[in-house]
Amino acid sequence: MCARINLRSLVVVAFFALGLVFATSSNRAIAAPSPEAAQELIKSMASDAISTLSAANSDQNQIKTKFHEILAKNFDLPGIAKFVLGRYWRITTPEQQDEYTHLFENYIVGIYANRFSQYSGETVSVESARQDQDATIVSSHINLTKGNQPVLVEWKVIDSSNGVPLVSDVIIENVSMSLTQRSEFATLIQNNGGKVESLLAQLRSRTKG
């Protein structure tokens, strides 16, 4: 199971810059965006990422810069970071929360931007959207090359407090990337005496430079 999740996560995040990882922060979501708006967000994001990946002159720094732009523009980063930290968010200081949110974004970029080079012509088919309480779920398939079966990817899209649609979760064949990342972080903290500082230290180490 873990190997399959990692493979699919690689395909999706390296393709679209996400990942990862993501769940709604309830105080930021005020309504579900229309199916049309949610689908347009995913299509636009895909087009933007593919243009970068397909450019012959794109180097690693350019890709990382573009990844940061896509994350900031299309994902609910504060809500994502807070959800992934889970119950430990309540025991962190405001300074730790600010540092963690910054490190979390850099962590995602550092992991997946290096894998953009594996892009080899994959495409996306955005197929439908349905409203589900305070979110809209966009269904799509990542069409792999070399005869591999397409990967089902669902994007959970919310309306932010200023009415801009944002991705709040990526669900890859029924596996939530936000919950997967949350479990990983919780395990790391638990194995280090329940100290959030242990996670911050790991993130600093992984994102330095």
N, C-alpha and C. Protein backbone atom coordinates (compact mmCIF):
# COMPACT_ATOMS: atom_id res chain seq x y z
N MET A 1 0.83 -1.21 0.00
CA MET A 1 0.00 0.00 0.00
C MET A 1 0.86 1.26 0.00
N CYS A 2 1.89 1.30 0.86
CA CYS A 2 2.72 2.50 0.94
C CYS A 2 3.42 2.78 -0.38
N ALA A 3 3.91 1.73 -1.02
CA ALA A 3 4.60 1.93 -2.29
C ALA A 3 3.68 2.49 -3.34
N ARG A 4 2.45 2.01 -3.40
CA ARG A 4 1.50 2.50 -4.38
C ARG A 4 1.14 3.95 -4.11
N ILE A 5 0.96 4.30 -2.83
CA ILE A 5 0.63 5.68 -2.48
C ILE A 5 1.77 6.61 -2.89
N ASN A 6 3.01 6.22 -2.60
CA ASN A 6 4.14 7.07 -2.93
C ASN A 6 4.25 7.29 -4.44
N LEU A 7 4.03 6.24 -5.22
CA LEU A 7 4.09 6.36 -6.67
C LEU A 7 3.04 7.32 -7.17
N ARG A 8 1.84 7.16 -6.70
CA ARG A 8 0.76 8.02 -7.18
C ARG A 8 0.97 9.46 -6.71
N SER A 9 1.44 9.62 -5.48
CA SER A 9 1.73 10.96 -4.98
C SER A 9 2.78 11.64 -5.84
N LEU A 10 3.80 10.87 -6.22
CA LEU A 10 4.84 11.41 -7.09
C LEU A 10 4.26 11.91 -8.40
N VAL A 11 3.43 11.08 -9.03
CA VAL A 11 2.86 11.44 -10.33
C VAL A 11 2.06 12.72 -10.23
N VAL A 12 1.20 12.80 -9.22
CA VAL A 12 0.30 13.93 -9.13
C VAL A 12 1.01 15.20 -8.72
N VAL A 13 1.82 15.12 -7.68
CA VAL A 13 2.43 16.34 -7.18
C VAL A 13 3.52 16.82 -8.12
N ALA A 14 4.29 15.91 -8.67
CA ALA A 14 5.32 16.32 -9.61
C ALA A 14 4.70 16.87 -10.88
N PHE A 15 3.48 16.45 -11.16
CA PHE A 15 2.79 16.90 -12.36
C PHE A 15 2.13 18.24 -12.14
N PHE A 16 1.49 18.40 -10.99
CA PHE A 16 0.72 19.60 -10.75
C PHE A 16 1.22 20.44 -9.59
N ALA A 17 2.25 20.05 -8.95
CA ALA A 17 2.73 20.81 -7.81
C ALA A 17 1.81 20.65 -6.63
N LEU A 18 1.38 19.57 -6.29
CA LEU A 18 0.68 19.33 -5.04
C LEU A 18 0.66 18.14 -4.33
N GLY A 19 0.56 17.67 -4.03
CA GLY A 19 0.56 17.01 -3.28
C GLY A 19 0.12 16.46 -2.46
N LEU A 20 0.10 16.91 -2.39
CA LEU A 20 0.20 16.59 -1.26
C LEU A 20 -0.69 16.51 -0.28
N VAL A 21 -1.16 16.64 0.00
CA VAL A 21 -1.24 16.92 1.38
C VAL A 21 -2.37 17.86 1.62
N PHE A 22 -3.49 17.63 1.96
CA PHE A 22 -4.24 18.85 2.07
C PHE A 22 -5.65 18.63 2.60
N ALA A 23 -6.04 19.50 3.50
CA ALA A 23 -7.38 19.40 4.04
C ALA A 23 -7.92 20.76 4.40
N THR A 24 -9.21 20.86 4.50
CA THR A 24 -9.89 22.13 4.71
C THR A 24 -9.66 22.67 6.11
N SER A 25 -9.41 23.95 6.20
CA SER A 25 -9.46 24.65 7.48
C SER A 25 -10.84 25.28 7.56
N SER A 26 -11.65 24.81 8.51
CA SER A 26 -13.08 25.15 8.49
C SER A 26 -13.34 26.64 8.62
N ASN A 27 -12.43 27.38 9.28
CA ASN A 27 -12.68 28.80 9.43
C ASN A 27 -12.30 29.59 8.19
N ARG A 28 -11.77 28.91 7.16
CA ARG A 28 -11.41 29.59 5.92
C ARG A 28 -12.40 29.27 4.81
N ALA A 29 -13.08 28.15 4.92
CA ALA A 29 -14.03 27.77 3.88
C ALA A 29 -15.40 28.33 4.21
N ILE A 30 -15.98 29.13 3.31
CA ILE A 30 -17.27 29.73 3.60
C ILE A 30 -18.37 29.16 2.73
N ALA A 31 -18.02 28.51 1.66
CA ALA A 31 -19.03 27.91 0.77
C ALA A 31 -18.33 27.05 -0.26
N ALA A 32 -19.09 26.17 -0.85
CA ALA A 32 -18.52 25.36 -1.93
C ALA A 32 -18.54 26.19 -3.22
N PRO A 33 -17.44 26.23 -3.95
CA PRO A 33 -17.44 26.94 -5.24
C PRO A 33 -18.30 26.18 -6.24
N SER A 34 -18.70 26.85 -7.29
CA SER A 34 -19.50 26.19 -8.32
C SER A 34 -18.67 25.11 -9.00
N PRO A 35 -19.31 24.06 -9.53
CA PRO A 35 -18.56 23.03 -10.26
C PRO A 35 -17.73 23.63 -11.39
N GLU A 36 -18.26 24.62 -12.08
CA GLU A 36 -17.54 25.23 -13.19
C GLU A 36 -16.27 25.92 -12.70
N ALA A 37 -16.38 26.66 -11.59
CA ALA A 37 -15.21 27.37 -11.05
C ALA A 37 -14.16 26.40 -10.55
N ALA A 38 -14.60 25.33 -9.91
CA ALA A 38 -13.66 24.33 -9.38
C ALA A 38 -12.93 23.62 -10.51
N GLN A 39 -13.66 23.24 -11.55
CA GLN A 39 -13.02 22.58 -12.69
C GLN A 39 -12.03 23.51 -13.39
N GLU A 40 -12.39 24.76 -13.51
CA GLU A 40 -11.52 25.72 -14.17
C GLU A 40 -10.21 25.89 -13.39
N LEU A 41 -10.30 25.86 -12.06
CA LEU A 41 -9.10 25.96 -11.24
C LEU A 41 -8.14 24.81 -11.54
N ILE A 42 -8.65 23.59 -11.59
CA ILE A 42 -7.79 22.43 -11.85
C ILE A 42 -7.23 22.47 -13.26
N LYS A 43 -8.06 22.81 -14.23
CA LYS A 43 -7.57 22.89 -15.61
C LYS A 43 -6.48 23.95 -15.76
N SER A 44 -6.69 25.10 -15.16
CA SER A 44 -5.71 26.17 -15.25
C SER A 44 -4.41 25.78 -14.57
N MET A 45 -4.51 25.15 -13.41
CA MET A 45 -3.33 24.72 -12.69
C MET A 45 -2.55 23.68 -13.49
N ALA A 46 -3.27 22.75 -14.09
CA ALA A 46 -2.63 21.71 -14.91
C ALA A 46 -1.90 22.33 -16.09
N SER A 47 -2.56 23.24 -16.77
CA SER A 47 -1.96 23.89 -17.93
C SER A 47 -0.70 24.65 -17.54
N ASP A 48 -0.77 25.33 -16.40
CA ASP A 48 0.37 26.11 -15.92
C ASP A 48 1.56 25.20 -15.62
N ALA A 49 1.29 24.08 -14.94
CA ALA A 49 2.36 23.15 -14.58
C ALA A 49 2.97 22.49 -15.82
N ILE A 50 2.11 22.07 -16.73
CA ILE A 50 2.60 21.39 -17.93
C ILE A 50 3.48 22.32 -18.76
N SER A 51 3.11 23.58 -18.84
CA SER A 51 3.91 24.54 -19.60
C SER A 51 5.32 24.63 -19.04
N THR A 52 5.42 24.62 -17.71
CA THR A 52 6.73 24.69 -17.08
C THR A 52 7.52 23.41 -17.31
N LEU A 53 6.85 22.27 -17.14
CA LEU A 53 7.52 20.99 -17.29
C LEU A 53 7.97 20.74 -18.72
N SER A 54 7.22 21.26 -19.67
CA SER A 54 7.52 21.01 -21.08
C SER A 54 8.56 21.95 -21.65
N ALA A 55 8.84 23.04 -20.93
CA ALA A 55 9.80 24.02 -21.44
C ALA A 55 11.21 23.45 -21.41
N ALA A 56 11.85 23.46 -22.54
CA ALA A 56 13.17 22.85 -22.66
C ALA A 56 14.21 23.58 -21.83
N ASN A 57 14.00 24.88 -21.58
CA ASN A 57 15.01 25.67 -20.89
C ASN A 57 14.73 25.83 -19.40
N SER A 58 13.76 25.10 -18.85
CA SER A 58 13.45 25.21 -17.43
C SER A 58 14.50 24.47 -16.61
N ASP A 59 15.19 25.18 -15.72
CA ASP A 59 16.14 24.52 -14.84
C ASP A 59 15.48 24.28 -13.47
N GLN A 60 16.22 23.65 -12.56
CA GLN A 60 15.66 23.27 -11.27
C GLN A 60 15.19 24.48 -10.47
N ASN A 61 15.93 25.57 -10.49
CA ASN A 61 15.54 26.76 -9.74
C ASN A 61 14.26 27.36 -10.29
N GLN A 62 14.12 27.37 -11.62
CA GLN A 62 12.90 27.88 -12.23
C GLN A 62 11.70 27.02 -11.85
N ILE A 63 11.91 25.72 -11.84
CA ILE A 63 10.82 24.81 -11.48
C ILE A 63 10.40 25.02 -10.04
N LYS A 64 11.37 25.16 -9.13
CA LYS A 64 11.04 25.39 -7.73
C LYS A 64 10.29 26.71 -7.54
N THR A 65 10.75 27.73 -8.25
CA THR A 65 10.07 29.03 -8.16
C THR A 65 8.64 28.91 -8.65
N LYS A 66 8.44 28.21 -9.76
CA LYS A 66 7.10 28.03 -10.29
C LYS A 66 6.24 27.22 -9.34
N PHE A 67 6.82 26.21 -8.73
CA PHE A 67 6.10 25.38 -7.76
C PHE A 67 5.60 26.24 -6.61
N HIS A 68 6.46 27.12 -6.08
CA HIS A 68 6.04 28.03 -5.01
C HIS A 68 4.85 28.87 -5.46
N GLU A 69 4.92 29.38 -6.69
CA GLU A 69 3.84 30.23 -7.20
C GLU A 69 2.52 29.45 -7.28
N ILE A 70 2.60 28.22 -7.77
CA ILE A 70 1.39 27.40 -7.91
C ILE A 70 0.79 27.08 -6.55
N LEU A 71 1.64 26.74 -5.59
CA LEU A 71 1.16 26.46 -4.24
C LEU A 71 0.45 27.67 -3.65
N ALA A 72 1.12 28.82 -3.70
CA ALA A 72 0.58 30.03 -3.09
C ALA A 72 -0.72 30.47 -3.75
N LYS A 73 -0.82 30.28 -5.05
CA LYS A 73 -1.98 30.74 -5.79
C LYS A 73 -3.18 29.80 -5.68
N ASN A 74 -2.93 28.51 -5.62
CA ASN A 74 -4.01 27.53 -5.80
C ASN A 74 -4.35 26.67 -4.59
N PHE A 75 -3.54 26.72 -3.54
CA PHE A 75 -3.76 25.87 -2.38
C PHE A 75 -3.97 26.68 -1.11
N ASP A 76 -4.77 26.14 -0.21
CA ASP A 76 -5.02 26.76 1.09
C ASP A 76 -3.87 26.39 2.04
N LEU A 77 -2.72 26.99 1.84
CA LEU A 77 -1.53 26.59 2.58
C LEU A 77 -1.65 26.72 4.10
N PRO A 78 -2.18 27.83 4.63
CA PRO A 78 -2.32 27.90 6.09
C PRO A 78 -3.25 26.81 6.65
N GLY A 79 -4.37 26.58 5.96
CA GLY A 79 -5.28 25.53 6.40
C GLY A 79 -4.67 24.15 6.28
N ILE A 80 -3.93 23.93 5.21
CA ILE A 80 -3.25 22.65 4.97
C ILE A 80 -2.26 22.38 6.10
N ALA A 81 -1.38 23.35 6.35
CA ALA A 81 -0.35 23.17 7.37
C ALA A 81 -0.97 22.91 8.74
N LYS A 82 -2.01 23.64 9.06
CA LYS A 82 -2.66 23.48 10.37
C LYS A 82 -3.28 22.10 10.49
N PHE A 83 -3.96 21.65 9.47
CA PHE A 83 -4.59 20.33 9.51
C PHE A 83 -3.55 19.23 9.66
N VAL A 84 -2.48 19.32 8.89
CA VAL A 84 -1.47 18.27 8.91
C VAL A 84 -0.80 18.17 10.29
N LEU A 85 -0.61 19.29 10.96
CA LEU A 85 -0.03 19.24 12.31
C LEU A 85 -1.01 18.68 13.32
N GLY A 86 -2.30 18.80 13.02
CA GLY A 86 -3.33 18.18 13.86
C GLY A 86 -3.41 18.76 15.26
N ARG A 87 -3.57 17.90 16.24
CA ARG A 87 -3.76 18.35 17.63
C ARG A 87 -2.53 19.05 18.18
N TYR A 88 -1.39 18.85 17.56
CA TYR A 88 -0.18 19.49 18.07
C TYR A 88 -0.15 20.98 17.77
N TRP A 89 -1.01 21.43 16.84
CA TRP A 89 -1.08 22.87 16.55
C TRP A 89 -1.42 23.65 17.81
N ARG A 90 -2.26 23.08 18.67
CA ARG A 90 -2.74 23.80 19.86
C ARG A 90 -1.65 24.00 20.90
N ILE A 91 -0.59 23.22 20.84
CA ILE A 91 0.44 23.34 21.87
C ILE A 91 1.68 24.07 21.35
N THR A 92 1.59 24.64 20.17
CA THR A 92 2.70 25.41 19.63
C THR A 92 2.51 26.89 19.89
N THR A 93 3.59 27.62 19.98
CA THR A 93 3.53 29.06 20.15
C THR A 93 3.26 29.71 18.79
N PRO A 94 2.80 30.96 18.79
CA PRO A 94 2.61 31.65 17.51
C PRO A 94 3.88 31.68 16.67
N GLU A 95 5.04 31.82 17.32
CA GLU A 95 6.30 31.84 16.58
C GLU A 95 6.56 30.48 15.93
N GLN A 96 6.28 29.40 16.67
CA GLN A 96 6.45 28.06 16.12
C GLN A 96 5.48 27.81 14.96
N GLN A 97 4.26 28.30 15.10
CA GLN A 97 3.27 28.13 14.03
C GLN A 97 3.73 28.82 12.75
N ASP A 98 4.24 30.03 12.89
CA ASP A 98 4.72 30.76 11.71
C ASP A 98 5.89 30.03 11.05
N GLU A 99 6.84 29.58 11.88
CA GLU A 99 7.99 28.88 11.32
C GLU A 99 7.57 27.57 10.68
N TYR A 100 6.70 26.83 11.35
CA TYR A 100 6.25 25.55 10.82
C TYR A 100 5.55 25.73 9.47
N THR A 101 4.66 26.71 9.36
CA THR A 101 3.93 26.94 8.11
C THR A 101 4.90 27.24 6.97
N HIS A 102 5.92 28.04 7.25
CA HIS A 102 6.93 28.36 6.25
C HIS A 102 7.74 27.13 5.87
N LEU A 103 8.17 26.37 6.88
CA LEU A 103 8.97 25.17 6.62
C LEU A 103 8.16 24.12 5.88
N PHE A 104 6.88 24.03 6.20
CA PHE A 104 6.02 23.04 5.56
C PHE A 104 5.97 23.27 4.05
N GLU A 105 5.78 24.52 3.64
CA GLU A 105 5.74 24.82 2.21
C GLU A 105 7.07 24.46 1.56
N ASN A 106 8.17 24.85 2.19
CA ASN A 106 9.48 24.55 1.62
C ASN A 106 9.74 23.04 1.57
N TYR A 107 9.21 22.34 2.55
CA TYR A 107 9.36 20.89 2.60
C TYR A 107 8.69 20.23 1.40
N ILE A 108 7.48 20.67 1.10
CA ILE A 108 6.76 20.12 -0.04
C ILE A 108 7.50 20.42 -1.34
N VAL A 109 7.96 21.66 -1.46
CA VAL A 109 8.71 22.04 -2.66
C VAL A 109 9.98 21.21 -2.79
N GLY A 110 10.71 21.08 -1.69
CA GLY A 110 11.96 20.35 -1.72
C GLY A 110 11.81 18.89 -2.11
N ILE A 111 10.74 18.26 -1.63
CA ILE A 111 10.53 16.85 -1.93
C ILE A 111 10.19 16.63 -3.40
N TYR A 112 9.22 17.40 -3.89
CA TYR A 112 8.64 17.07 -5.17
C TYR A 112 9.21 17.82 -6.37
N ALA A 113 9.77 18.99 -6.14
CA ALA A 113 10.33 19.73 -7.27
C ALA A 113 11.47 18.96 -7.92
N ASN A 114 12.23 18.23 -7.10
CA ASN A 114 13.34 17.44 -7.65
C ASN A 114 12.85 16.31 -8.53
N ARG A 115 11.58 15.98 -8.45
CA ARG A 115 11.05 14.87 -9.22
C ARG A 115 10.37 15.33 -10.51
N PHE A 116 10.34 16.63 -10.74
CA PHE A 116 9.73 17.13 -11.98
C PHE A 116 10.41 16.57 -13.22
N SER A 117 11.70 16.27 -13.06
CA SER A 117 12.45 15.78 -14.22
C SER A 117 11.91 14.47 -14.75
N GLN A 118 11.07 13.77 -13.95
CA GLN A 118 10.52 12.50 -14.39
C GLN A 118 9.29 12.67 -15.29
N TYR A 119 8.88 13.91 -15.50
CA TYR A 119 7.75 14.16 -16.38
C TYR A 119 8.07 13.68 -17.79
N SER A 120 7.18 12.90 -18.37
CA SER A 120 7.43 12.36 -19.72
C SER A 120 6.17 12.37 -20.58
N GLY A 121 5.43 13.47 -20.51
CA GLY A 121 4.28 13.62 -21.39
C GLY A 121 2.95 13.22 -20.79
N GLU A 122 2.88 13.01 -19.47
CA GLU A 122 1.59 12.68 -18.85
C GLU A 122 0.60 13.84 -19.06
N THR A 123 -0.67 13.49 -19.17
CA THR A 123 -1.72 14.50 -19.35
C THR A 123 -2.80 14.29 -18.30
N VAL A 124 -3.69 15.26 -18.22
CA VAL A 124 -4.79 15.15 -17.26
C VAL A 124 -6.12 15.30 -18.00
N SER A 125 -7.09 14.55 -17.55
CA SER A 125 -8.46 14.67 -18.04
C SER A 125 -9.35 15.08 -16.87
N VAL A 126 -9.83 16.31 -16.91
CA VAL A 126 -10.77 16.78 -15.90
C VAL A 126 -12.17 16.42 -16.37
N GLU A 127 -12.87 15.60 -15.60
CA GLU A 127 -14.07 14.95 -16.13
C GLU A 127 -15.39 15.42 -15.54
N SER A 128 -15.40 15.74 -14.25
CA SER A 128 -16.67 16.12 -13.64
C SER A 128 -16.41 16.80 -12.31
N ALA A 129 -17.46 17.37 -11.75
CA ALA A 129 -17.37 18.00 -10.43
C ALA A 129 -18.71 17.87 -9.74
N ARG A 130 -18.65 17.69 -8.43
CA ARG A 130 -19.88 17.57 -7.64
C ARG A 130 -19.69 18.34 -6.33
N GLN A 131 -20.75 18.94 -5.87
CA GLN A 131 -20.70 19.65 -4.61
C GLN A 131 -20.94 18.69 -3.46
N ASP A 132 -20.15 18.86 -2.39
CA ASP A 132 -20.23 18.01 -1.21
C ASP A 132 -20.10 18.87 0.02
N GLN A 133 -21.23 19.27 0.59
CA GLN A 133 -21.29 20.15 1.75
C GLN A 133 -20.54 21.46 1.45
N ASP A 134 -19.41 21.72 2.15
CA ASP A 134 -18.73 23.01 1.98
C ASP A 134 -17.60 22.94 0.97
N ALA A 135 -17.58 21.93 0.13
CA ALA A 135 -16.52 21.80 -0.87
C ALA A 135 -17.09 21.27 -2.17
N THR A 136 -16.31 21.41 -3.22
CA THR A 136 -16.63 20.82 -4.52
C THR A 136 -15.52 19.84 -4.87
N ILE A 137 -15.91 18.63 -5.24
CA ILE A 137 -14.95 17.58 -5.57
C ILE A 137 -14.82 17.49 -7.08
N VAL A 138 -13.63 17.72 -7.58
CA VAL A 138 -13.35 17.62 -9.01
C VAL A 138 -12.69 16.28 -9.29
N SER A 139 -13.28 15.51 -10.17
CA SER A 139 -12.73 14.20 -10.53
C SER A 139 -11.90 14.32 -11.81
N SER A 140 -10.75 13.67 -11.80
CA SER A 140 -9.87 13.70 -12.96
C SER A 140 -9.09 12.39 -13.04
N HIS A 141 -8.43 12.20 -14.17
CA HIS A 141 -7.52 11.07 -14.33
C HIS A 141 -6.19 11.61 -14.85
N ILE A 142 -5.11 11.10 -14.25
CA ILE A 142 -3.78 11.35 -14.78
C ILE A 142 -3.48 10.24 -15.78
N ASN A 143 -3.29 10.62 -17.01
CA ASN A 143 -3.06 9.65 -18.07
C ASN A 143 -1.56 9.39 -18.20
N LEU A 144 -1.15 8.22 -17.72
CA LEU A 144 0.26 7.87 -17.70
C LEU A 144 0.73 7.40 -19.07
N THR A 145 2.02 7.43 -19.26
CA THR A 145 2.60 6.97 -20.52
C THR A 145 2.99 5.50 -20.42
N LYS A 146 3.48 4.95 -21.50
CA LYS A 146 3.98 3.58 -21.56
C LYS A 146 2.90 2.55 -21.25
N GLY A 147 1.65 2.86 -21.58
CA GLY A 147 0.58 1.90 -21.45
C GLY A 147 0.08 1.66 -20.05
N ASN A 148 0.51 2.45 -19.06
CA ASN A 148 0.04 2.29 -17.69
C ASN A 148 -1.39 2.79 -17.54
N GLN A 149 -2.11 2.20 -16.61
CA GLN A 149 -3.48 2.58 -16.37
C GLN A 149 -3.57 3.99 -15.80
N PRO A 150 -4.58 4.77 -16.22
CA PRO A 150 -4.77 6.11 -15.66
C PRO A 150 -4.98 6.06 -14.14
N VAL A 151 -4.59 7.11 -13.46
CA VAL A 151 -4.72 7.21 -12.01
C VAL A 151 -5.87 8.16 -11.69
N LEU A 152 -6.82 7.69 -10.89
CA LEU A 152 -7.95 8.52 -10.47
C LEU A 152 -7.49 9.50 -9.40
N VAL A 153 -7.73 10.78 -9.66
CA VAL A 153 -7.38 11.83 -8.71
C VAL A 153 -8.58 12.73 -8.51
N GLU A 154 -8.93 12.95 -7.24
CA GLU A 154 -10.01 13.87 -6.90
C GLU A 154 -9.43 15.05 -6.13
N TRP A 155 -9.88 16.22 -6.51
CA TRP A 155 -9.39 17.46 -5.91
C TRP A 155 -10.52 18.08 -5.09
N LYS A 156 -10.27 18.30 -3.82
CA LYS A 156 -11.26 18.96 -2.97
C LYS A 156 -11.02 20.46 -3.02
N VAL A 157 -12.01 21.19 -3.50
CA VAL A 157 -11.87 22.63 -3.72
C VAL A 157 -12.85 23.38 -2.83
N ILE A 158 -12.34 24.39 -2.13
CA ILE A 158 -13.17 25.22 -1.27
C ILE A 158 -13.13 26.67 -1.75
N ASP A 159 -14.07 27.47 -1.24
CA ASP A 159 -14.00 28.91 -1.41
C ASP A 159 -13.28 29.48 -0.21
N SER A 160 -12.25 30.26 -0.42
CA SER A 160 -11.55 30.91 0.68
C SER A 160 -12.40 32.05 1.23
N SER A 161 -11.91 32.69 2.28
CA SER A 161 -12.66 33.77 2.92
C SER A 161 -12.89 34.95 1.99
N ASN A 162 -12.03 35.11 0.97
CA ASN A 162 -12.24 36.20 0.00
C ASN A 162 -12.87 35.71 -1.29
N GLY A 163 -13.41 34.47 -1.26
CA GLY A 163 -14.18 33.97 -2.40
C GLY A 163 -13.37 33.35 -3.52
N VAL A 164 -12.07 33.15 -3.32
CA VAL A 164 -11.21 32.55 -4.35
C VAL A 164 -11.17 31.04 -4.14
N PRO A 165 -11.47 30.23 -5.16
CA PRO A 165 -11.40 28.77 -5.00
C PRO A 165 -9.96 28.32 -4.74
N LEU A 166 -9.81 27.39 -3.80
CA LEU A 166 -8.50 26.86 -3.44
C LEU A 166 -8.59 25.34 -3.25
N VAL A 167 -7.54 24.64 -3.60
CA VAL A 167 -7.47 23.20 -3.34
C VAL A 167 -7.17 22.98 -1.86
N SER A 168 -7.94 22.11 -1.24
CA SER A 168 -7.73 21.83 0.18
C SER A 168 -7.41 20.37 0.45
N ASP A 169 -7.50 19.50 -0.54
CA ASP A 169 -7.11 18.11 -0.37
C ASP A 169 -6.95 17.47 -1.74
N VAL A 170 -6.06 16.50 -1.82
CA VAL A 170 -5.87 15.71 -3.03
C VAL A 170 -6.09 14.25 -2.64
N ILE A 171 -7.04 13.60 -3.30
CA ILE A 171 -7.41 12.23 -2.95
C ILE A 171 -7.07 11.34 -4.14
N ILE A 172 -6.10 10.47 -3.95
CA ILE A 172 -5.58 9.65 -5.03
C ILE A 172 -6.09 8.22 -4.86
N GLU A 173 -7.02 7.85 -5.74
CA GLU A 173 -7.67 6.54 -5.66
C GLU A 173 -8.11 6.24 -4.23
N ASN A 174 -8.88 7.18 -3.68
CA ASN A 174 -9.52 7.07 -2.38
C ASN A 174 -8.56 7.19 -1.20
N VAL A 175 -7.35 7.63 -1.42
CA VAL A 175 -6.40 7.84 -0.34
C VAL A 175 -6.12 9.34 -0.22
N SER A 176 -6.46 9.93 0.94
CA SER A 176 -6.26 11.35 1.16
C SER A 176 -4.79 11.63 1.46
N MET A 177 -4.19 12.51 0.66
CA MET A 177 -2.80 12.86 0.89
C MET A 177 -2.63 13.67 2.17
N SER A 178 -3.63 14.44 2.56
CA SER A 178 -3.54 15.20 3.80
C SER A 178 -3.46 14.28 5.00
N LEU A 179 -4.28 13.26 5.01
CA LEU A 179 -4.28 12.32 6.13
C LEU A 179 -2.98 11.50 6.16
N THR A 180 -2.46 11.17 4.98
CA THR A 180 -1.20 10.44 4.91
C THR A 180 -0.07 11.27 5.51
N GLN A 181 0.00 12.55 5.14
CA GLN A 181 1.04 13.42 5.67
C GLN A 181 0.86 13.66 7.15
N ARG A 182 -0.39 13.81 7.58
CA ARG A 182 -0.67 14.03 9.00
C ARG A 182 -0.19 12.86 9.84
N SER A 183 -0.44 11.66 9.36
CA SER A 183 -0.01 10.46 10.08
C SER A 183 1.52 10.41 10.19
N GLU A 184 2.20 10.78 9.11
CA GLU A 184 3.67 10.78 9.12
C GLU A 184 4.22 11.74 10.15
N PHE A 185 3.69 12.95 10.19
CA PHE A 185 4.16 13.95 11.14
C PHE A 185 3.85 13.55 12.57
N ALA A 186 2.64 13.03 12.80
CA ALA A 186 2.25 12.62 14.15
C ALA A 186 3.17 11.52 14.67
N THR A 187 3.53 10.57 13.81
CA THR A 187 4.42 9.49 14.21
C THR A 187 5.78 10.04 14.59
N LEU A 188 6.30 10.98 13.81
CA LEU A 188 7.60 11.57 14.11
C LEU A 188 7.56 12.27 15.47
N ILE A 189 6.52 13.03 15.73
CA ILE A 189 6.42 13.75 17.00
C ILE A 189 6.29 12.78 18.16
N GLN A 190 5.44 11.77 18.01
CA GLN A 190 5.24 10.78 19.07
C GLN A 190 6.52 10.04 19.40
N ASN A 191 7.31 9.75 18.39
CA ASN A 191 8.57 9.03 18.60
C ASN A 191 9.66 9.89 19.23
N ASN A 192 9.36 11.17 19.39
CA ASN A 192 10.32 12.10 19.99
C ASN A 192 9.71 12.79 21.21
N GLY A 193 8.99 12.02 21.99
CA GLY A 193 8.47 12.52 23.26
C GLY A 193 7.34 13.50 23.16
N GLY A 194 6.66 13.55 22.01
CA GLY A 194 5.54 14.46 21.85
C GLY A 194 5.95 15.91 21.68
N LYS A 195 7.19 16.14 21.31
CA LYS A 195 7.69 17.50 21.17
C LYS A 195 7.62 17.97 19.72
N VAL A 196 6.88 19.05 19.50
CA VAL A 196 6.77 19.61 18.15
C VAL A 196 8.11 20.11 17.65
N GLU A 197 8.96 20.50 18.57
CA GLU A 197 10.29 20.97 18.18
C GLU A 197 11.04 19.91 17.38
N SER A 198 10.76 18.64 17.66
CA SER A 198 11.43 17.57 16.92
C SER A 198 11.04 17.61 15.44
N LEU A 199 9.78 17.91 15.15
CA LEU A 199 9.34 18.05 13.77
C LEU A 199 9.97 19.27 13.12
N LEU A 200 9.98 20.38 13.85
CA LEU A 200 10.59 21.59 13.30
C LEU A 200 12.06 21.36 12.96
N ALA A 201 12.76 20.64 13.84
CA ALA A 201 14.17 20.36 13.59
C ALA A 201 14.34 19.52 12.32
N GLN A 202 13.48 18.54 12.15
CA GLN A 202 13.53 17.71 10.95
C GLN A 202 13.26 18.53 9.70
N LEU A 203 12.25 19.38 9.76
CA LEU A 203 11.91 20.20 8.60
C LEU A 203 13.02 21.19 8.28
N ARG A 204 13.65 21.76 9.32
CA ARG A 204 14.77 22.67 9.07
C ARG A 204 15.89 21.94 8.35
N SER A 205 16.17 20.73 8.83
CA SER A 205 17.25 19.94 8.24
C SER A 205 16.95 19.58 6.78
N ARG A 206 15.69 19.26 6.50
CA ARG A 206 15.33 18.81 5.16
C ARG A 206 15.20 19.96 4.17
N THR A 207 15.02 21.16 4.68
CA THR A 207 14.77 22.29 3.77
C THR A 207 15.91 23.29 3.73
N LYS A 208 16.96 23.07 4.49
CA LYS A 208 18.06 24.06 4.49
C LYS A 208 18.76 24.04 3.14
N GLY A 209 19.26 25.19 2.79
CA GLY A 209 19.94 25.33 1.50
C GLY A 209 18.97 25.59 0.40
